[in-house]
Amino acid sequence: GCGEFSHTACGREFTYWLEQDGYGKPGGCWGAGENIAWGTGELG
């Protein structure tokens, strides 16, 4: 959507969607990792 291949796409911190979608809950103890990639044709 923002045309930005980045862990902080759209200027949002890496943890933004993890928190917004409920995985990282306030007061909880949790950890996360992220892999991203993009490709076209057979490489995608």
Full PDB file with SEQRES, HELIX, SHEET, SSBOND, CRYST1, ORIGX, SCALE, CONECT and MASTER records, all heavy atoms in Angstrom:
SEQRES   1 A   44  GLY CYS GLY GLU PHE SER HIS THR ALA CYS GLY ARG GLU          
SEQRES   2 A   44  PHE THR TYR TRP LEU GLU GLN ASP GLY TYR GLY LYS PRO          
SEQRES   3 A   44  GLY GLY CYS TRP GLY ALA GLY GLU ASN ILE ALA TRP GLY          
SEQRES   4 A   44  THR GLY GLU LEU GLY                                          
HELIX    1 AA1 ALA A    9  GLY A   11  5                                   3    
HELIX    2 AA2 TYR A   16  GLN A   20  1                                   5    
HELIX    3 AA3 GLY A   41  LEU A   43  5                                   3    
SSBOND   1 CYS A    2    CYS A   10                          1555   1555  1.87  
CRYST1    1.000    1.000    1.000  90.00  90.00  90.00 P 1           1          
ORIGX1      1.000000  0.000000  0.000000        0.00000                         
ORIGX2      0.000000  1.000000  0.000000        0.00000                         
ORIGX3      0.000000  0.000000  1.000000        0.00000                         
SCALE1      1.000000  0.000000  0.000000        0.00000                         
SCALE2      0.000000  1.000000  0.000000        0.00000                         
SCALE3      0.000000  0.000000  1.000000        0.00000                         
ATOM      1  N   GLY A   1       0.809  -1.217   0.000  1.00  0.00           N  
ATOM      2  CA  GLY A   1       0.000   0.000   0.000  1.00  0.00           C  
ATOM      3  C   GLY A   1       0.842   1.266   0.000  1.00  0.00           C  
ATOM      4  O   GLY A   1       0.494   2.255  -0.654  1.00  0.00           O  
ATOM      5  N   CYS A   2       1.967   1.245   0.730  1.00  0.00           N  
ATOM      6  CA  CYS A   2       2.835   2.418   0.807  1.00  0.00           C  
ATOM      7  C   CYS A   2       4.017   2.307  -0.141  1.00  0.00           C  
ATOM      8  O   CYS A   2       4.843   3.228  -0.206  1.00  0.00           O  
ATOM      9  CB  CYS A   2       3.335   2.602   2.244  1.00  0.00           C  
ATOM     10  SG  CYS A   2       2.029   3.060   3.405  1.00  0.00           S  
ATOM     11  N   GLY A   3       4.110   1.180  -0.857  1.00  0.00           N  
ATOM     12  CA  GLY A   3       5.208   0.999  -1.796  1.00  0.00           C  
ATOM     13  C   GLY A   3       6.560   1.031  -1.138  1.00  0.00           C  
ATOM     14  O   GLY A   3       7.524   1.563  -1.696  1.00  0.00           O  
ATOM     15  N   GLU A   4       6.650   0.442   0.060  1.00  0.00           N  
ATOM     16  CA  GLU A   4       7.882   0.516   0.840  1.00  0.00           C  
ATOM     17  C   GLU A   4       8.223  -0.865   1.391  1.00  0.00           C  
ATOM     18  O   GLU A   4       7.563  -1.355   2.314  1.00  0.00           O  
ATOM     19  CB  GLU A   4       7.705   1.516   1.991  1.00  0.00           C  
ATOM     20  CG  GLU A   4       8.941   1.735   2.825  1.00  0.00           C  
ATOM     21  CD  GLU A   4       8.691   2.706   3.965  1.00  0.00           C  
ATOM     22  OE1 GLU A   4       7.540   3.167   4.115  1.00  0.00           O  
ATOM     23  OE2 GLU A   4       9.649   2.996   4.692  1.00  0.00           O  
ATOM     24  N   PHE A   5       9.234  -1.502   0.826  1.00  0.00           N  
ATOM     25  CA  PHE A   5       9.663  -2.813   1.303  1.00  0.00           C  
ATOM     26  C   PHE A   5      10.547  -2.625   2.527  1.00  0.00           C  
ATOM     27  O   PHE A   5      11.754  -2.443   2.439  1.00  0.00           O  
ATOM     28  CB  PHE A   5      10.417  -3.560   0.205  1.00  0.00           C  
ATOM     29  CG  PHE A   5      10.844  -4.948   0.607  1.00  0.00           C  
ATOM     30  CD1 PHE A   5       9.899  -5.936   0.863  1.00  0.00           C  
ATOM     31  CD2 PHE A   5      12.179  -5.268   0.730  1.00  0.00           C  
ATOM     32  CE1 PHE A   5      10.289  -7.206   1.238  1.00  0.00           C  
ATOM     33  CE2 PHE A   5      12.581  -6.535   1.102  1.00  0.00           C  
ATOM     34  CZ  PHE A   5      11.631  -7.509   1.349  1.00  0.00           C  
ATOM     35  N   SER A   6       9.913  -2.640   3.674  1.00  0.00           N  
ATOM     36  CA  SER A   6      10.614  -2.314   4.911  1.00  0.00           C  
ATOM     37  C   SER A   6       9.877  -2.929   6.094  1.00  0.00           C  
ATOM     38  O   SER A   6       8.663  -3.137   6.049  1.00  0.00           O  
ATOM     39  CB  SER A   6      10.690  -0.793   5.083  1.00  0.00           C  
ATOM     40  OG  SER A   6      11.073  -0.438   6.391  1.00  0.00           O  
ATOM     41  N   HIS A   7      10.624  -3.187   7.166  1.00  0.00           N  
ATOM     42  CA  HIS A   7      10.004  -3.663   8.400  1.00  0.00           C  
ATOM     43  C   HIS A   7       9.223  -2.547   9.090  1.00  0.00           C  
ATOM     44  O   HIS A   7       8.451  -2.812  10.010  1.00  0.00           O  
ATOM     45  CB  HIS A   7      11.070  -4.221   9.342  1.00  0.00           C  
ATOM     46  CG  HIS A   7      11.738  -5.462   8.826  1.00  0.00           C  
ATOM     47  ND1 HIS A   7      11.092  -6.670   8.748  1.00  0.00           N  
ATOM     48  CD2 HIS A   7      12.981  -5.671   8.338  1.00  0.00           C  
ATOM     49  CE1 HIS A   7      11.921  -7.579   8.247  1.00  0.00           C  
ATOM     50  NE2 HIS A   7      13.058  -7.000   7.986  1.00  0.00           N  
ATOM     51  N   THR A   8       9.434  -1.326   8.662  1.00  0.00           N  
ATOM     52  CA  THR A   8       8.698  -0.187   9.217  1.00  0.00           C  
ATOM     53  C   THR A   8       7.922   0.510   8.101  1.00  0.00           C  
ATOM     54  O   THR A   8       7.874   1.743   8.038  1.00  0.00           O  
ATOM     55  CB  THR A   8       9.660   0.792   9.908  1.00  0.00           C  
ATOM     56  OG1 THR A   8      10.675   1.195   8.972  1.00  0.00           O  
ATOM     57  CG2 THR A   8      10.323   0.141  11.117  1.00  0.00           C  
ATOM     58  N   ALA A   9       7.317  -0.265   7.224  1.00  0.00           N  
ATOM     59  CA  ALA A   9       6.541   0.290   6.107  1.00  0.00           C  
ATOM     60  C   ALA A   9       5.448   1.209   6.624  1.00  0.00           C  
ATOM     61  O   ALA A   9       4.859   0.981   7.685  1.00  0.00           O  
ATOM     62  CB  ALA A   9       5.933  -0.850   5.289  1.00  0.00           C  
ATOM     63  N   CYS A  10       5.176   2.246   5.873  1.00  0.00           N  
ATOM     64  CA  CYS A  10       4.174   3.264   6.222  1.00  0.00           C  
ATOM     65  C   CYS A  10       4.549   4.027   7.494  1.00  0.00           C  
ATOM     66  O   CYS A  10       3.688   4.646   8.132  1.00  0.00           O  
ATOM     67  CB  CYS A  10       2.777   2.653   6.369  1.00  0.00           C  
ATOM     68  SG  CYS A  10       2.145   1.877   4.854  1.00  0.00           S  
ATOM     69  N   GLY A  11       5.811   3.969   7.892  1.00  0.00           N  
ATOM     70  CA  GLY A  11       6.258   4.682   9.077  1.00  0.00           C  
ATOM     71  C   GLY A  11       5.827   4.059  10.377  1.00  0.00           C  
ATOM     72  O   GLY A  11       5.934   4.684  11.439  1.00  0.00           O  
ATOM     73  N   ARG A  12       5.338   2.814  10.323  1.00  0.00           N  
ATOM     74  CA  ARG A  12       4.892   2.130  11.539  1.00  0.00           C  
ATOM     75  C   ARG A  12       6.001   1.266  12.107  1.00  0.00           C  
ATOM     76  O   ARG A  12       6.755   0.636  11.363  1.00  0.00           O  
ATOM     77  CB  ARG A  12       3.666   1.270  11.238  1.00  0.00           C  
ATOM     78  CG  ARG A  12       2.449   2.084  10.843  1.00  0.00           C  
ATOM     79  CD  ARG A  12       1.261   1.193  10.583  1.00  0.00           C  
ATOM     80  NE  ARG A  12       0.051   1.966  10.422  1.00  0.00           N  
ATOM     81  CZ  ARG A  12      -0.811   1.846   9.419  1.00  0.00           C  
ATOM     82  NH1 ARG A  12      -0.580   0.943   8.467  1.00  0.00           N  
ATOM     83  NH2 ARG A  12      -1.887   2.595   9.345  1.00  0.00           N  
ATOM     84  N   GLU A  13       6.102   1.233  13.429  1.00  0.00           N  
ATOM     85  CA  GLU A  13       7.098   0.393  14.073  1.00  0.00           C  
ATOM     86  C   GLU A  13       6.842  -1.073  13.722  1.00  0.00           C  
ATOM     87  O   GLU A  13       5.709  -1.466  13.432  1.00  0.00           O  
ATOM     88  CB  GLU A  13       7.054   0.573  15.600  1.00  0.00           C  
ATOM     89  CG  GLU A  13       7.407   1.956  16.081  1.00  0.00           C  
ATOM     90  CD  GLU A  13       8.866   2.304  15.820  1.00  0.00           C  
ATOM     91  OE1 GLU A  13       9.664   1.355  15.594  1.00  0.00           O  
ATOM     92  OE2 GLU A  13       9.210   3.494  15.822  1.00  0.00           O  
ATOM     93  N   PHE A  14       7.900  -1.856  13.787  1.00  0.00           N  
ATOM     94  CA  PHE A  14       7.789  -3.286  13.516  1.00  0.00           C  
ATOM     95  C   PHE A  14       6.684  -3.948  14.335  1.00  0.00           C  
ATOM     96  O   PHE A  14       5.973  -4.824  13.871  1.00  0.00           O  
ATOM     97  CB  PHE A  14       9.139  -3.943  13.805  1.00  0.00           C  
ATOM     98  CG  PHE A  14       9.074  -5.409  14.141  1.00  0.00           C  
ATOM     99  CD1 PHE A  14       8.648  -6.347  13.206  1.00  0.00           C  
ATOM    100  CD2 PHE A  14       9.440  -5.855  15.386  1.00  0.00           C  
ATOM    101  CE1 PHE A  14       8.599  -7.690  13.505  1.00  0.00           C  
ATOM    102  CE2 PHE A  14       9.391  -7.202  15.708  1.00  0.00           C  
ATOM    103  CZ  PHE A  14       8.966  -8.119  14.766  1.00  0.00           C  
ATOM    104  N   THR A  15       6.511  -3.521  15.567  1.00  0.00           N  
ATOM    105  CA  THR A  15       5.541  -4.153  16.467  1.00  0.00           C  
ATOM    106  C   THR A  15       4.105  -3.659  16.280  1.00  0.00           C  
ATOM    107  O   THR A  15       3.194  -4.165  16.940  1.00  0.00           O  
ATOM    108  CB  THR A  15       5.952  -3.891  17.925  1.00  0.00           C  
ATOM    109  OG1 THR A  15       6.058  -2.468  18.132  1.00  0.00           O  
ATOM    110  CG2 THR A  15       7.297  -4.541  18.238  1.00  0.00           C  
ATOM    111  N   TYR A  16       3.897  -2.680  15.409  1.00  0.00           N  
ATOM    112  CA  TYR A  16       2.590  -2.023  15.323  1.00  0.00           C  
ATOM    113  C   TYR A  16       1.449  -3.021  15.114  1.00  0.00           C  
ATOM    114  O   TYR A  16       0.491  -3.062  15.890  1.00  0.00           O  
ATOM    115  CB  TYR A  16       2.598  -0.990  14.193  1.00  0.00           C  
ATOM    116  CG  TYR A  16       1.269  -0.288  14.007  1.00  0.00           C  
ATOM    117  CD1 TYR A  16       0.914   0.792  14.811  1.00  0.00           C  
ATOM    118  CD2 TYR A  16       0.356  -0.717  13.038  1.00  0.00           C  
ATOM    119  CE1 TYR A  16      -0.314   1.436  14.651  1.00  0.00           C  
ATOM    120  CE2 TYR A  16      -0.862  -0.078  12.871  1.00  0.00           C  
ATOM    121  CZ  TYR A  16      -1.188   0.995  13.676  1.00  0.00           C  
ATOM    122  OH  TYR A  16      -2.400   1.612  13.519  1.00  0.00           O  
ATOM    123  N   TRP A  17       1.509  -3.823  14.055  1.00  0.00           N  
ATOM    124  CA  TRP A  17       0.408  -4.730  13.765  1.00  0.00           C  
ATOM    125  C   TRP A  17       0.349  -5.906  14.736  1.00  0.00           C  
ATOM    126  O   TRP A  17      -0.741  -6.424  15.016  1.00  0.00           O  
ATOM    127  CB  TRP A  17       0.484  -5.221  12.324  1.00  0.00           C  
ATOM    128  CG  TRP A  17       0.093  -4.167  11.331  1.00  0.00           C  
ATOM    129  CD1 TRP A  17       0.878  -3.571  10.394  1.00  0.00           C  
ATOM    130  CD2 TRP A  17      -1.206  -3.554  11.211  1.00  0.00           C  
ATOM    131  NE1 TRP A  17       0.172  -2.623   9.697  1.00  0.00           N  
ATOM    132  CE2 TRP A  17      -1.116  -2.590  10.172  1.00  0.00           C  
ATOM    133  CE3 TRP A  17      -2.417  -3.722  11.874  1.00  0.00           C  
ATOM    134  CZ2 TRP A  17      -2.201  -1.808   9.787  1.00  0.00           C  
ATOM    135  CZ3 TRP A  17      -3.495  -2.940  11.487  1.00  0.00           C  
ATOM    136  CH2 TRP A  17      -3.386  -2.000  10.466  1.00  0.00           C  
ATOM    137  N   LEU A  18       1.482  -6.310  15.270  1.00  0.00           N  
ATOM    138  CA  LEU A  18       1.471  -7.361  16.285  1.00  0.00           C  
ATOM    139  C   LEU A  18       0.658  -6.917  17.501  1.00  0.00           C  
ATOM    140  O   LEU A  18      -0.066  -7.710  18.111  1.00  0.00           O  
ATOM    141  CB  LEU A  18       2.902  -7.708  16.706  1.00  0.00           C  
ATOM    142  CG  LEU A  18       3.743  -8.423  15.646  1.00  0.00           C  
ATOM    143  CD1 LEU A  18       5.226  -8.295  15.976  1.00  0.00           C  
ATOM    144  CD2 LEU A  18       3.341  -9.888  15.546  1.00  0.00           C  
ATOM    145  N   GLU A  19       0.761  -5.646  17.839  1.00  0.00           N  
ATOM    146  CA  GLU A  19       0.006  -5.110  18.968  1.00  0.00           C  
ATOM    147  C   GLU A  19      -1.440  -4.811  18.585  1.00  0.00           C  
ATOM    148  O   GLU A  19      -2.376  -5.140  19.326  1.00  0.00           O  
ATOM    149  CB  GLU A  19       0.700  -3.853  19.492  1.00  0.00           C  
ATOM    150  CG  GLU A  19       2.078  -4.136  20.076  1.00  0.00           C  
ATOM    151  CD  GLU A  19       2.889  -2.875  20.310  1.00  0.00           C  
ATOM    152  OE1 GLU A  19       2.524  -1.821  19.732  1.00  0.00           O  
ATOM    153  OE2 GLU A  19       3.890  -2.934  21.042  1.00  0.00           O  
ATOM    154  N   GLN A  20      -1.629  -4.200  17.417  1.00  0.00           N  
ATOM    155  CA  GLN A  20      -2.976  -3.833  16.985  1.00  0.00           C  
ATOM    156  C   GLN A  20      -3.866  -5.059  16.788  1.00  0.00           C  
ATOM    157  O   GLN A  20      -5.068  -5.012  17.068  1.00  0.00           O  
ATOM    158  CB  GLN A  20      -2.908  -3.032  15.677  1.00  0.00           C  
ATOM    159  CG  GLN A  20      -2.337  -1.640  15.826  1.00  0.00           C  
ATOM    160  CD  GLN A  20      -3.209  -0.735  16.681  1.00  0.00           C  
ATOM    161  OE1 GLN A  20      -4.423  -0.658  16.473  1.00  0.00           O  
ATOM    162  NE2 GLN A  20      -2.611  -0.070  17.644  1.00  0.00           N  
ATOM    163  N   ASP A  21      -3.291  -6.151  16.323  1.00  0.00           N  
ATOM    164  CA  ASP A  21      -4.078  -7.355  16.052  1.00  0.00           C  
ATOM    165  C   ASP A  21      -4.140  -8.309  17.237  1.00  0.00           C  
ATOM    166  O   ASP A  21      -4.648  -9.428  17.122  1.00  0.00           O  
ATOM    167  CB  ASP A  21      -3.522  -8.078  14.813  1.00  0.00           C  
ATOM    168  CG  ASP A  21      -3.777  -7.272  13.542  1.00  0.00           C  
ATOM    169  OD1 ASP A  21      -4.804  -6.573  13.475  1.00  0.00           O  
ATOM    170  OD2 ASP A  21      -2.945  -7.333  12.617  1.00  0.00           O  
ATOM    171  N   GLY A  22      -3.620  -7.869  18.378  1.00  0.00           N  
ATOM    172  CA  GLY A  22      -3.858  -8.594  19.612  1.00  0.00           C  
ATOM    173  C   GLY A  22      -2.856  -9.648  20.020  1.00  0.00           C  
ATOM    174  O   GLY A  22      -3.059 -10.324  21.032  1.00  0.00           O  
ATOM    175  N   TYR A  23      -1.751  -9.796  19.269  1.00  0.00           N  
ATOM    176  CA  TYR A  23      -0.786 -10.815  19.706  1.00  0.00           C  
ATOM    177  C   TYR A  23       0.031 -10.315  20.891  1.00  0.00           C  
ATOM    178  O   TYR A  23       0.228 -11.024  21.865  1.00  0.00           O  
ATOM    179  CB  TYR A  23       0.155 -11.203  18.566  1.00  0.00           C  
ATOM    180  CG  TYR A  23       0.977 -12.427  18.930  1.00  0.00           C  
ATOM    181  CD1 TYR A  23       0.412 -13.700  18.834  1.00  0.00           C  
ATOM    182  CD2 TYR A  23       2.286 -12.313  19.388  1.00  0.00           C  
ATOM    183  CE1 TYR A  23       1.137 -14.826  19.207  1.00  0.00           C  
ATOM    184  CE2 TYR A  23       3.011 -13.426  19.739  1.00  0.00           C  
ATOM    185  CZ  TYR A  23       2.440 -14.684  19.649  1.00  0.00           C  
ATOM    186  OH  TYR A  23       3.164 -15.805  20.023  1.00  0.00           O  
ATOM    187  N   GLY A  24       0.517  -9.090  20.789  1.00  0.00           N  
ATOM    188  CA  GLY A  24       1.256  -8.493  21.895  1.00  0.00           C  
ATOM    189  C   GLY A  24       0.309  -7.688  22.757  1.00  0.00           C  
ATOM    190  O   GLY A  24      -0.017  -6.552  22.452  1.00  0.00           O  
ATOM    191  N   LYS A  25      -0.150  -8.297  23.824  1.00  0.00           N  
ATOM    192  CA  LYS A  25      -1.154  -7.652  24.671  1.00  0.00           C  
ATOM    193  C   LYS A  25      -0.495  -6.827  25.764  1.00  0.00           C  
ATOM    194  O   LYS A  25       0.545  -7.205  26.304  1.00  0.00           O  
ATOM    195  CB  LYS A  25      -2.074  -8.709  25.272  1.00  0.00           C  
ATOM    196  CG  LYS A  25      -2.859  -9.481  24.218  1.00  0.00           C  
ATOM    197  CD  LYS A  25      -3.768 -10.516  24.851  1.00  0.00           C  
ATOM    198  CE  LYS A  25      -4.563 -11.256  23.766  1.00  0.00           C  
ATOM    199  NZ  LYS A  25      -5.443 -12.297  24.330  1.00  0.00           N  
ATOM    200  N   PRO A  26      -1.093  -5.691  26.128  1.00  0.00           N  
ATOM    201  CA  PRO A  26      -0.544  -4.847  27.192  1.00  0.00           C  
ATOM    202  C   PRO A  26      -0.369  -5.637  28.478  1.00  0.00           C  
ATOM    203  O   PRO A  26      -1.258  -6.395  28.888  1.00  0.00           O  
ATOM    204  CB  PRO A  26      -1.599  -3.747  27.353  1.00  0.00           C  
ATOM    205  CG  PRO A  26      -2.287  -3.700  26.024  1.00  0.00           C  
ATOM    206  CD  PRO A  26      -2.318  -5.122  25.541  1.00  0.00           C  
ATOM    207  N   GLY A  27       0.790  -5.477  29.106  1.00  0.00           N  
ATOM    208  CA  GLY A  27       1.065  -6.169  30.356  1.00  0.00           C  
ATOM    209  C   GLY A  27       1.502  -7.603  30.173  1.00  0.00           C  
ATOM    210  O   GLY A  27       1.817  -8.289  31.146  1.00  0.00           O  
ATOM    211  N   GLY A  28       1.541  -8.091  28.935  1.00  0.00           N  
ATOM    212  CA  GLY A  28       1.939  -9.468  28.689  1.00  0.00           C  
ATOM    213  C   GLY A  28       3.419  -9.594  28.420  1.00  0.00           C  
ATOM    214  O   GLY A  28       4.137  -8.612  28.296  1.00  0.00           O  
ATOM    215  N   CYS A  29       3.872 -10.810  28.337  1.00  0.00           N  
ATOM    216  CA  CYS A  29       5.262 -11.098  28.038  1.00  0.00           C  
ATOM    217  C   CYS A  29       5.290 -11.948  26.776  1.00  0.00           C  
ATOM    218  O   CYS A  29       4.714 -13.035  26.745  1.00  0.00           O  
ATOM    219  CB  CYS A  29       5.910 -11.844  29.201  1.00  0.00           C  
ATOM    220  SG  CYS A  29       7.646 -12.250  28.926  1.00  0.00           S  
ATOM    221  N   TRP A  30       5.934 -11.440  25.725  1.00  0.00           N  
ATOM    222  CA  TRP A  30       5.884 -12.134  24.448  1.00  0.00           C  
ATOM    223  C   TRP A  30       7.091 -11.773  23.595  1.00  0.00           C  
ATOM    224  O   TRP A  30       7.818 -10.827  23.888  1.00  0.00           O  
ATOM    225  CB  TRP A  30       4.595 -11.786  23.700  1.00  0.00           C  
ATOM    226  CG  TRP A  30       4.350 -10.322  23.467  1.00  0.00           C  
ATOM    227  CD1 TRP A  30       3.912  -9.399  24.391  1.00  0.00           C  
ATOM    228  CD2 TRP A  30       4.562  -9.597  22.262  1.00  0.00           C  
ATOM    229  NE1 TRP A  30       3.819  -8.147  23.807  1.00  0.00           N  
ATOM    230  CE2 TRP A  30       4.203  -8.239  22.504  1.00  0.00           C  
ATOM    231  CE3 TRP A  30       4.979  -9.958  20.982  1.00  0.00           C  
ATOM    232  CZ2 TRP A  30       4.280  -7.250  21.527  1.00  0.00           C  
ATOM    233  CZ3 TRP A  30       5.057  -8.974  19.991  1.00  0.00           C  
ATOM    234  CH2 TRP A  30       4.708  -7.636  20.275  1.00  0.00           C  
ATOM    235  N   GLY A  31       7.320 -12.543  22.568  1.00  0.00           N  
ATOM    236  CA  GLY A  31       8.415 -12.276  21.648  1.00  0.00           C  
ATOM    237  C   GLY A  31       7.957 -12.575  20.231  1.00  0.00           C  
ATOM    238  O   GLY A  31       7.019 -13.345  20.019  1.00  0.00           O  
ATOM    239  N   ALA A  32       8.608 -11.969  19.262  1.00  0.00           N  
ATOM    240  CA  ALA A  32       8.203 -12.169  17.875  1.00  0.00           C  
ATOM    241  C   ALA A  32       9.370 -11.958  16.934  1.00  0.00           C  
ATOM    242  O   ALA A  32      10.334 -11.265  17.263  1.00  0.00           O  
ATOM    243  CB  ALA A  32       7.058 -11.231  17.501  1.00  0.00           C  
ATOM    244  N   GLY A  33       9.289 -12.559  15.768  1.00  0.00           N  
ATOM    245  CA  GLY A  33      10.276 -12.373  14.715  1.00  0.00           C  
ATOM    246  C   GLY A  33       9.554 -12.205  13.395  1.00  0.00           C  
ATOM    247  O   GLY A  33       8.406 -12.642  13.243  1.00  0.00           O  
ATOM    248  N   GLU A  34      10.199 -11.575  12.451  1.00  0.00           N  
ATOM    249  CA  GLU A  34       9.561 -11.291  11.165  1.00  0.00           C  
ATOM    250  C   GLU A  34      10.509 -11.574  10.007  1.00  0.00           C  
ATOM    251  O   GLU A  34      11.660 -11.134  10.009  1.00  0.00           O  
ATOM    252  CB  GLU A  34       9.124  -9.830  11.118  1.00  0.00           C  
ATOM    253  CG  GLU A  34       8.512  -9.386   9.797  1.00  0.00           C  
ATOM    254  CD  GLU A  34       8.099  -7.927   9.826  1.00  0.00           C  
ATOM    255  OE1 GLU A  34       6.960  -7.645  10.290  1.00  0.00           O  
ATOM    256  OE2 GLU A  34       8.909  -7.072   9.410  1.00  0.00           O  
ATOM    257  N   ASN A  35      10.039 -12.307   9.020  1.00  0.00           N  
ATOM    258  CA  ASN A  35      10.720 -12.475   7.738  1.00  0.00           C  
ATOM    259  C   ASN A  35       9.844 -11.844   6.667  1.00  0.00           C  
ATOM    260  O   ASN A  35       8.634 -12.077   6.648  1.00  0.00           O  
ATOM    261  CB  ASN A  35      10.909 -13.954   7.388  1.00  0.00           C  
ATOM    262  CG  ASN A  35      12.038 -14.605   8.161  1.00  0.00           C  
ATOM    263  OD1 ASN A  35      12.742 -13.951   8.932  1.00  0.00           O  
ATOM    264  ND2 ASN A  35      12.217 -15.888   7.964  1.00  0.00           N  
ATOM    265  N   ILE A  36      10.435 -11.059   5.781  1.00  0.00           N  
ATOM    266  CA  ILE A  36       9.673 -10.496   4.671  1.00  0.00           C  
ATOM    267  C   ILE A  36      10.420 -10.749   3.366  1.00  0.00           C  
ATOM    268  O   ILE A  36      11.648 -10.894   3.354  1.00  0.00           O  
ATOM    269  CB  ILE A  36       9.394  -8.986   4.849  1.00  0.00           C  
ATOM    270  CG1 ILE A  36      10.689  -8.167   4.853  1.00  0.00           C  
ATOM    271  CG2 ILE A  36       8.601  -8.732   6.114  1.00  0.00           C  
ATOM    272  CD1 ILE A  36      10.457  -6.659   4.946  1.00  0.00           C  
ATOM    273  N   ALA A  37       9.683 -10.827   2.296  1.00  0.00           N  
ATOM    274  CA  ALA A  37      10.276 -11.029   0.971  1.00  0.00           C  
ATOM    275  C   ALA A  37       9.249 -10.660  -0.081  1.00  0.00           C  
ATOM    276  O   ALA A  37       8.050 -10.626   0.187  1.00  0.00           O  
ATOM    277  CB  ALA A  37      10.702 -12.487   0.797  1.00  0.00           C  
ATOM    278  N   TRP A  38       9.745 -10.373  -1.294  1.00  0.00           N  
ATOM    279  CA  TRP A  38       8.815 -10.215  -2.403  1.00  0.00           C  
ATOM    280  C   TRP A  38       9.492 -10.656  -3.689  1.00  0.00           C  
ATOM    281  O   TRP A  38      10.715 -10.626  -3.819  1.00  0.00           O  
ATOM    282  CB  TRP A  38       8.288  -8.795  -2.522  1.00  0.00           C  
ATOM    283  CG  TRP A  38       9.228  -7.727  -3.007  1.00  0.00           C  
ATOM    284  CD1 TRP A  38      10.115  -7.008  -2.258  1.00  0.00           C  
ATOM    285  CD2 TRP A  38       9.341  -7.235  -4.347  1.00  0.00           C  
ATOM    286  NE1 TRP A  38      10.770  -6.100  -3.043  1.00  0.00           N  
ATOM    287  CE2 TRP A  38      10.319  -6.215  -4.336  1.00  0.00           C  
ATOM    288  CE3 TRP A  38       8.711  -7.546  -5.542  1.00  0.00           C  
ATOM    289  CZ2 TRP A  38      10.694  -5.503  -5.476  1.00  0.00           C  
ATOM    290  CZ3 TRP A  38       9.072  -6.841  -6.687  1.00  0.00           C  
ATOM    291  CH2 TRP A  38      10.054  -5.831  -6.637  1.00  0.00           C  
ATOM    292  N   GLY A  39       8.674 -11.144  -4.611  1.00  0.00           N  
ATOM    293  CA  GLY A  39       9.211 -11.612  -5.872  1.00  0.00           C  
ATOM    294  C   GLY A  39       8.141 -11.562  -6.948  1.00  0.00           C  
ATOM    295  O   GLY A  39       6.955 -11.432  -6.659  1.00  0.00           O  
ATOM    296  N   THR A  40       8.576 -11.649  -8.194  1.00  0.00           N  
ATOM    297  CA  THR A  40       7.646 -11.671  -9.310  1.00  0.00           C  
ATOM    298  C   THR A  40       7.821 -12.959 -10.095  1.00  0.00           C  
ATOM    299  O   THR A  40       8.868 -13.608 -10.027  1.00  0.00           O  
ATOM    300  CB  THR A  40       7.890 -10.478 -10.258  1.00  0.00           C  
ATOM    301  OG1 THR A  40       9.197 -10.603 -10.841  1.00  0.00           O  
ATOM    302  CG2 THR A  40       7.788  -9.164  -9.511  1.00  0.00           C  
ATOM    303  N   GLY A  41       6.796 -13.321 -10.828  1.00  0.00           N  
ATOM    304  CA  GLY A  41       6.870 -14.537 -11.632  1.00  0.00           C  
ATOM    305  C   GLY A  41       7.126 -15.759 -10.775  1.00  0.00           C  
ATOM    306  O   GLY A  41       6.642 -15.865  -9.645  1.00  0.00           O  
ATOM    307  N   GLU A  42       7.926 -16.672 -11.287  1.00  0.00           N  
ATOM    308  CA  GLU A  42       8.190 -17.906 -10.549  1.00  0.00           C  
ATOM    309  C   GLU A  42       9.011 -17.648  -9.289  1.00  0.00           C  
ATOM    310  O   GLU A  42       9.019 -18.464  -8.378  1.00  0.00           O  
ATOM    311  CB  GLU A  42       8.930 -18.895 -11.451  1.00  0.00           C  
ATOM    312  CG  GLU A  42      10.294 -18.436 -11.920  1.00  0.00           C  
ATOM    313  CD  GLU A  42      10.943 -19.429 -12.863  1.00  0.00           C  
ATOM    314  OE1 GLU A  42      10.235 -20.309 -13.376  1.00  0.00           O  
ATOM    315  OE2 GLU A  42      12.162 -19.309 -13.088  1.00  0.00           O  
ATOM    316  N   LEU A  43       9.664 -16.479  -9.210  1.00  0.00           N  
ATOM    317  CA  LEU A  43      10.429 -16.156  -8.012  1.00  0.00           C  
ATOM    318  C   LEU A  43       9.541 -15.674  -6.869  1.00  0.00           C  
ATOM    319  O   LEU A  43      10.013 -15.476  -5.754  1.00  0.00           O  
ATOM    320  CB  LEU A  43      11.487 -15.099  -8.331  1.00  0.00           C  
ATOM    321  CG  LEU A  43      12.621 -15.560  -9.245  1.00  0.00           C  
ATOM    322  CD1 LEU A  43      13.636 -14.451  -9.439  1.00  0.00           C  
ATOM    323  CD2 LEU A  43      13.297 -16.810  -8.710  1.00  0.00           C  
ATOM    324  N   GLY A  44       8.266 -15.473  -7.129  1.00  0.00           N  
ATOM    325  CA  GLY A  44       7.348 -15.081  -6.069  1.00  0.00           C  
ATOM    326  C   GLY A  44       6.547 -16.234  -5.515  1.00  0.00           C  
ATOM    327  O   GLY A  44       5.706 -16.043  -4.637  1.00  0.00           O  
TER     328      GLY A  44                                                      
CONECT   10   68                                                                
CONECT   68   10                                                                
MASTER        0    0    0    3    0    0    0    6  327    1    2    4          
END                                                                             
